[in-house]
């Protein structure tokens, strides 16, 4: 009997077409689920016969309780080399090998700029008006040339976002807890003396930090109140870096002008969530890493991970 491999949360139904899964036959039989399963009982039932499970980023958490309900599971593969929703200690306890894949930075950089430009030029409002034969020009665009972009985090993604900002003629500053003036200068970016200075002086604030104990709720009501009333906030990193109720309150009360949001505390976003209708929010359904190039890397390397595991030499192991 072949091993059963189940691919979760394949929303676009493309996973099986983006890699050579046939190379795994006859040892492995693969199938994909396109619908997200929220209920843990239903999820455990769906996965009960799977020896191999493939997950996309953090769409489906793998908790200690879930691992305990999947005695057949031997290999769990996640896209990317970091997944905070996997209990790695529980995986080890239950004898499950966890592997990752490569991931590019281009896609989240591009989406960050799509959100910035979409908000700044009111693209959704104007496109909807054009489609519905509404007003011809009802907004005044927020020009980026000469404005200041503040980057919370200057890692690989932040650096690329900074390069593009310069092409638009923006002044770029950055802050993070470990960022030095020398490192910022290497990328032509000004180091802000504090998070507060960045928030106070920036016209657009874009978040490019890893979620951890030091960054969770990094921006709350107090921090949002320090931003310009005309400022835009962009978050393509992790929702929990920003206090979500505080952000909604700031948007509803004009504390900031708008937000471009790709990440949420609950995903998929509930149907009645106010971010779906808040007029100064441009929201996308966690598309930051969703691109053809990234998906090809994810699934090609997933097949490689399975082949290496079957050979007794696992690669890209997460511990």
Protein backbone atom coordinates (compact mmCIF):
# COMPACT_ATOMS: atom_id res chain seq x y z
CA UNK A 1 0.00 0.00 0.00
CA UNK A 2 1.41 3.43 -0.91
CA UNK A 3 1.91 6.06 1.77
CA UNK A 4 -0.88 8.63 1.85
CA UNK A 5 0.16 12.26 1.33
CA UNK A 6 -2.42 14.99 1.89
CA UNK A 7 -1.87 18.59 0.79
CA UNK A 8 -3.91 21.05 2.85
CA UNK A 9 -5.36 24.45 1.99
CA UNK A 10 -4.63 24.34 -1.73
CA UNK A 11 -7.08 27.19 -2.25
CA UNK A 12 -6.30 27.65 -5.94
CA UNK A 13 -6.14 23.88 -6.67
CA UNK A 14 -2.69 24.20 -8.27
CA UNK A 15 -0.30 22.22 -6.05
CA UNK A 16 -0.41 18.99 -8.03
CA UNK A 17 0.36 20.82 -11.29
CA UNK A 18 3.44 22.70 -10.05
CA UNK A 19 5.81 19.83 -9.26
CA UNK A 20 6.65 16.32 -10.39
CA UNK A 21 4.53 14.43 -7.88
CA UNK A 22 4.50 11.42 -10.23
CA UNK A 23 8.13 10.84 -9.29
CA UNK A 24 6.87 9.67 -5.90
CA UNK A 25 4.78 6.81 -7.31
CA UNK A 26 4.27 4.01 -6.50
CA UNK A 27 5.57 4.71 -2.99
CA UNK A 28 3.34 7.71 -2.31
CA UNK A 29 -0.21 8.60 -3.31
CA UNK A 30 -0.96 12.34 -3.18
CA UNK A 31 -4.16 14.32 -3.11
CA UNK A 32 -5.03 17.93 -2.28
CA UNK A 33 -7.78 19.58 -0.26
CA UNK A 34 -8.93 22.96 -1.55
CA UNK A 35 -11.24 23.90 1.33
CA UNK A 36 -9.86 25.09 4.67
CA UNK A 37 -10.86 22.93 7.65
CA UNK A 38 -11.21 24.98 10.83
CA UNK A 39 -12.73 22.42 13.19
CA UNK A 40 -10.01 20.27 14.77
CA UNK A 41 -12.27 17.21 14.97
CA UNK A 42 -13.01 17.40 11.26
CA UNK A 43 -9.34 18.05 10.51
CA UNK A 44 -8.19 15.04 12.54
CA UNK A 45 -10.73 12.86 10.76
CA UNK A 46 -9.52 14.06 7.35
CA UNK A 47 -5.88 13.38 8.24
CA UNK A 48 -6.25 10.14 10.16
CA UNK A 49 -4.85 7.92 7.37
CA UNK A 50 -2.11 10.29 6.18
CA UNK A 51 1.53 9.44 6.79
CA UNK A 52 2.63 12.66 5.06
CA UNK A 53 0.93 16.06 5.34
CA UNK A 54 1.87 19.19 3.41
CA UNK A 55 0.78 22.58 4.77
CA UNK A 56 0.95 26.06 3.31
CA UNK A 57 2.61 28.56 5.64
CA UNK A 58 0.46 29.03 8.76
CA UNK A 59 -2.95 28.39 7.24
CA UNK A 60 -3.56 25.31 9.43
CA UNK A 61 -1.93 25.19 12.91
CA UNK A 62 -0.43 21.90 14.03
CA UNK A 63 -0.85 21.86 17.79
CA UNK A 64 0.16 19.27 20.38
CA UNK A 65 -3.47 18.14 20.56
CA UNK A 66 -3.62 17.58 16.80
CA UNK A 67 -0.34 15.64 16.70
CA UNK A 68 -1.68 13.38 19.46
CA UNK A 69 -4.66 12.49 17.25
CA UNK A 70 -2.57 11.53 14.21
CA UNK A 71 -0.64 8.37 15.12
CA UNK A 72 0.06 7.51 11.46
CA UNK A 73 1.70 10.85 10.68
CA UNK A 74 5.43 10.55 10.01
CA UNK A 75 6.33 13.61 7.90
CA UNK A 76 4.99 17.17 8.01
CA UNK A 77 6.17 19.64 5.39
CA UNK A 78 5.57 23.38 5.50
CA UNK A 79 6.29 25.95 2.83
CA UNK A 80 9.10 28.20 4.01
CA UNK A 81 11.68 27.51 6.69
CA UNK A 82 9.72 29.05 9.56
CA UNK A 83 6.21 28.25 10.76
CA UNK A 84 5.12 29.54 14.16
CA UNK A 85 1.90 27.52 14.03
CA UNK A 86 3.70 24.15 14.30
CA UNK A 87 4.40 22.81 17.79
CA UNK A 88 7.85 21.41 17.01
CA UNK A 89 8.28 19.92 20.49
CA UNK A 90 5.04 17.97 20.06
CA UNK A 91 6.14 16.83 16.60
CA UNK A 92 9.37 15.47 18.06
CA UNK A 93 7.51 13.78 20.91
CA UNK A 94 5.28 11.96 18.43
CA UNK A 95 8.13 11.02 16.12
CA UNK A 96 7.10 13.34 13.30
CA UNK A 97 9.83 14.80 11.09
CA UNK A 98 9.11 18.42 10.12
CA UNK A 99 10.70 19.84 6.96
CA UNK A 100 10.49 23.18 5.18
CA UNK A 101 11.17 24.62 1.75
CA UNK A 102 12.80 27.67 0.26
CA UNK A 103 10.89 30.92 -0.17
CA UNK A 104 11.59 34.07 -2.14
CA UNK A 105 11.28 37.67 -0.97
CA UNK A 106 10.07 39.20 -4.25
CA UNK A 107 6.37 38.35 -3.84
CA UNK A 108 5.79 40.02 -0.43
CA UNK A 109 7.80 43.04 -1.57
CA UNK A 110 5.58 43.40 -4.62
CA UNK A 111 2.39 43.04 -2.60
CA UNK A 112 3.58 45.62 -0.07
CA UNK A 113 3.92 48.11 -2.89
CA UNK A 114 0.59 47.09 -4.40
CA UNK A 115 -1.05 47.97 -1.07
CA UNK A 116 0.85 51.25 -0.73
CA UNK A 117 -0.01 52.37 -4.24
CA UNK A 118 -3.58 51.10 -4.04
CA UNK A 119 -4.22 53.10 -0.88
CA UNK A 120 -2.30 56.19 -1.96
CA UNK A 121 -4.13 56.50 -5.27
CA UNK A 122 -7.54 55.21 -4.04
CA UNK A 123 -7.54 52.55 -6.75
CA UNK A 124 -10.41 50.48 -5.38
CA UNK A 125 -12.68 53.51 -4.95
CA UNK A 126 -11.90 54.86 -8.41
CA UNK A 127 -12.11 51.47 -10.15
CA UNK A 128 -15.45 50.70 -8.54
CA UNK A 129 -16.80 54.09 -9.57
CA UNK A 130 -15.64 53.56 -13.15
CA UNK A 131 -17.21 50.09 -13.33
CA UNK A 132 -20.49 51.33 -11.85
CA UNK A 133 -20.66 54.52 -13.96
CA UNK A 134 -20.13 56.55 -10.81
CA UNK A 135 -18.25 59.85 -10.37
CA UNK A 136 -15.45 60.55 -12.82
CA UNK A 137 -12.61 61.32 -10.37
CA UNK A 138 -13.81 61.56 -6.79
CA UNK A 139 -10.49 61.42 -4.92
CA UNK A 140 -7.16 63.24 -4.80
CA UNK A 141 -4.17 60.94 -4.80
CA UNK A 142 -1.59 60.82 -2.02
CA UNK A 143 1.67 61.46 -3.89
CA UNK A 144 4.67 59.46 -2.71
CA UNK A 145 7.45 61.59 -4.19
CA UNK A 146 9.10 63.57 -1.40
CA UNK A 147 7.26 61.67 1.32
CA UNK A 148 8.92 59.57 4.05
CA UNK A 149 8.64 55.79 4.22
CA UNK A 150 9.28 54.32 7.65
CA UNK A 151 10.27 50.66 7.73
CA UNK A 152 9.81 48.65 10.89
CA UNK A 153 12.45 46.06 10.10
CA UNK A 154 15.24 46.20 7.52
CA UNK A 155 15.77 42.53 6.72
CA UNK A 156 15.78 41.04 3.24
CA UNK A 157 12.22 42.16 2.48
CA UNK A 158 12.59 45.59 4.08
CA UNK A 159 15.75 46.23 2.10
CA UNK A 160 14.00 45.55 -1.21
CA UNK A 161 11.02 47.72 -0.21
CA UNK A 162 13.51 50.52 0.54
CA UNK A 163 15.09 50.25 -2.92
CA UNK A 164 11.74 50.70 -4.62
CA UNK A 165 10.84 53.64 -2.37
CA UNK A 166 13.93 55.48 -3.60
CA UNK A 167 12.78 54.98 -7.19
CA UNK A 168 9.60 56.82 -6.21
CA UNK A 169 11.67 59.66 -4.75
CA UNK A 170 10.85 58.87 -1.14
CA UNK A 171 13.03 59.47 1.90
CA UNK A 172 13.45 56.15 3.73
CA UNK A 173 14.04 55.58 7.42
CA UNK A 174 14.00 52.40 9.47
CA UNK A 175 13.97 51.11 13.02
CA UNK A 176 14.15 47.76 14.77
CA UNK A 177 15.56 46.77 18.11
CA UNK A 178 18.86 45.50 16.70
CA UNK A 179 19.28 47.76 13.68
CA UNK A 180 22.47 49.84 13.64
CA UNK A 181 23.19 53.09 11.83
CA UNK A 182 25.94 51.35 9.85
CA UNK A 183 23.65 48.62 8.58
CA UNK A 184 20.96 51.14 7.68
CA UNK A 185 23.52 53.27 5.82
CA UNK A 186 24.60 50.24 3.77
CA UNK A 187 21.13 50.34 2.20
CA UNK A 188 20.90 54.12 1.93
CA UNK A 189 18.41 54.29 4.79
CA UNK A 190 18.36 56.61 7.81
CA UNK A 191 18.23 54.94 11.22
CA UNK A 192 15.55 56.42 13.47
CA UNK A 193 16.62 56.89 17.07
CA UNK A 194 13.43 55.24 18.27
CA UNK A 195 10.24 53.57 17.13
CA UNK A 196 8.41 56.70 18.25
CA UNK A 197 10.50 58.91 15.97
CA UNK A 198 9.76 56.67 13.01
CA UNK A 199 6.02 56.71 13.69
CA UNK A 200 5.93 60.45 14.27
CA UNK A 201 7.84 61.44 11.11
CA UNK A 202 6.76 58.88 8.50
CA UNK A 203 4.02 59.34 5.91
CA UNK A 204 3.87 55.60 5.21
CA UNK A 205 4.82 52.95 7.80
CA UNK A 206 5.45 49.44 6.52
CA UNK A 207 6.05 46.44 8.79
CA UNK A 208 8.70 43.85 7.91
CA UNK A 209 9.43 42.07 11.18
CA UNK A 210 9.31 38.47 12.35
CA UNK A 211 6.63 37.82 14.98
CA UNK A 212 8.10 37.02 18.38
CA UNK A 213 7.85 37.98 22.02
CA UNK A 214 9.50 41.35 21.35
CA UNK A 215 7.35 42.25 18.36
CA UNK A 216 3.92 40.98 19.44
CA UNK A 217 1.62 44.02 19.86
CA UNK A 218 4.54 46.27 18.95
CA UNK A 219 2.00 48.80 17.72
CA UNK A 220 -0.92 49.48 20.04
CA UNK A 221 -3.26 52.41 20.59
CA UNK A 222 -0.49 54.57 22.04
CA UNK A 223 1.85 53.95 19.11
CA UNK A 224 -0.84 54.45 16.46
CA UNK A 225 -1.74 57.79 18.06
CA UNK A 226 1.84 58.94 17.45
CA UNK A 227 1.46 58.56 13.69
CA UNK A 228 0.41 61.41 11.42
CA UNK A 229 -3.33 61.64 10.83
CA UNK A 230 -2.53 61.52 7.10
CA UNK A 231 -0.29 58.45 7.40
CA UNK A 232 -0.80 54.98 5.94
CA UNK A 233 0.09 51.73 7.73
CA UNK A 234 1.04 48.62 5.75
CA UNK A 235 1.23 45.15 7.27
CA UNK A 236 2.24 42.17 5.15
CA UNK A 237 4.16 40.48 7.98
CA UNK A 238 2.03 39.12 10.83
CA UNK A 239 -1.25 40.46 12.24
CA UNK A 240 -0.22 40.11 15.89
CA UNK A 241 2.54 42.72 15.48
CA UNK A 242 -0.30 45.26 15.55
CA UNK A 243 -3.01 45.29 18.23
CA UNK A 244 -6.00 44.54 15.97
CA UNK A 245 -8.79 46.22 18.01
CA UNK A 246 -6.55 49.28 18.42
CA UNK A 247 -5.95 49.40 14.67
CA UNK A 248 -9.65 49.20 13.89
CA UNK A 249 -10.37 51.96 16.39
CA UNK A 250 -7.64 54.15 14.87
CA UNK A 251 -9.08 53.67 11.39
CA UNK A 252 -12.67 54.28 12.44
CA UNK A 253 -11.78 57.46 14.32
CA UNK A 254 -9.37 59.02 11.82
CA UNK A 255 -6.27 58.58 13.95
CA UNK A 256 -4.54 57.42 10.75
CA UNK A 257 -5.72 57.81 7.18
CA UNK A 258 -5.68 54.20 6.09
CA UNK A 259 -4.20 50.73 6.31
CA UNK A 260 -3.13 48.12 3.79
CA UNK A 261 -3.52 44.73 5.47
CA UNK A 262 -2.65 41.27 4.18
CA UNK A 263 -2.54 39.37 7.48
CA UNK A 264 -5.23 38.77 10.11
CA UNK A 265 -5.53 37.26 13.57
CA UNK A 266 -8.08 34.76 12.23
CA UNK A 267 -7.73 33.39 8.69
CA UNK A 268 -9.76 33.06 6.57
CA UNK A 269 -11.22 36.34 7.77
CA UNK A 270 -14.71 35.89 9.26
CA UNK A 271 -17.53 37.04 6.98
CA UNK A 272 -18.67 39.73 9.43
CA UNK A 273 -15.21 41.10 10.22
CA UNK A 274 -15.20 44.93 10.07
CA UNK A 275 -12.00 44.98 7.99
CA UNK A 276 -14.13 43.67 5.12
CA UNK A 277 -16.18 46.88 5.00
CA UNK A 278 -14.03 49.58 6.64
CA UNK A 279 -13.67 52.15 3.83
CA UNK A 280 -10.08 53.20 4.60
CA UNK A 281 -8.79 49.61 4.66
CA UNK A 282 -7.33 47.94 1.58
CA UNK A 283 -7.28 44.27 2.55
CA UNK A 284 -6.05 41.20 0.70
CA UNK A 285 -6.44 37.53 1.80
CA UNK A 286 -2.83 36.83 2.85
CA UNK A 287 -1.46 37.01 -0.68
CA UNK A 288 2.04 38.18 0.25
CA UNK A 289 3.77 34.92 -0.63
CA UNK A 290 1.18 33.73 -3.20
CA UNK A 291 2.94 33.93 -6.54
CA UNK A 292 3.75 31.48 -9.32
CA UNK A 293 7.46 31.58 -8.56
CA UNK A 294 7.06 30.94 -4.84
CA UNK A 295 4.54 28.16 -5.37
CA UNK A 296 6.87 26.39 -7.81
CA UNK A 297 9.65 26.52 -5.22
CA UNK A 298 7.35 25.35 -2.42
CA UNK A 299 5.97 22.31 -4.18
CA UNK A 300 9.13 21.32 -6.06
CA UNK A 301 11.07 21.31 -2.81
CA UNK A 302 8.18 19.55 -1.04
CA UNK A 303 8.62 16.65 -3.47
CA UNK A 304 12.38 16.74 -2.78
CA UNK A 305 11.68 16.66 0.97
CA UNK A 306 9.50 13.58 0.56
CA UNK A 307 12.08 11.82 -1.62
CA UNK A 308 14.84 12.53 0.92
CA UNK A 309 12.67 11.30 3.79
CA UNK A 310 11.87 8.08 1.97
CA UNK A 311 15.61 7.59 1.39
CA UNK A 312 16.24 7.98 5.13
CA UNK A 313 18.13 11.26 4.71
CA UNK A 314 15.67 14.10 5.50
CA UNK A 315 16.59 17.59 4.30
CA UNK A 316 15.57 21.07 5.41
CA UNK A 317 14.55 19.72 8.80
CA UNK A 318 12.96 22.21 11.24
CA UNK A 319 13.86 21.75 14.89
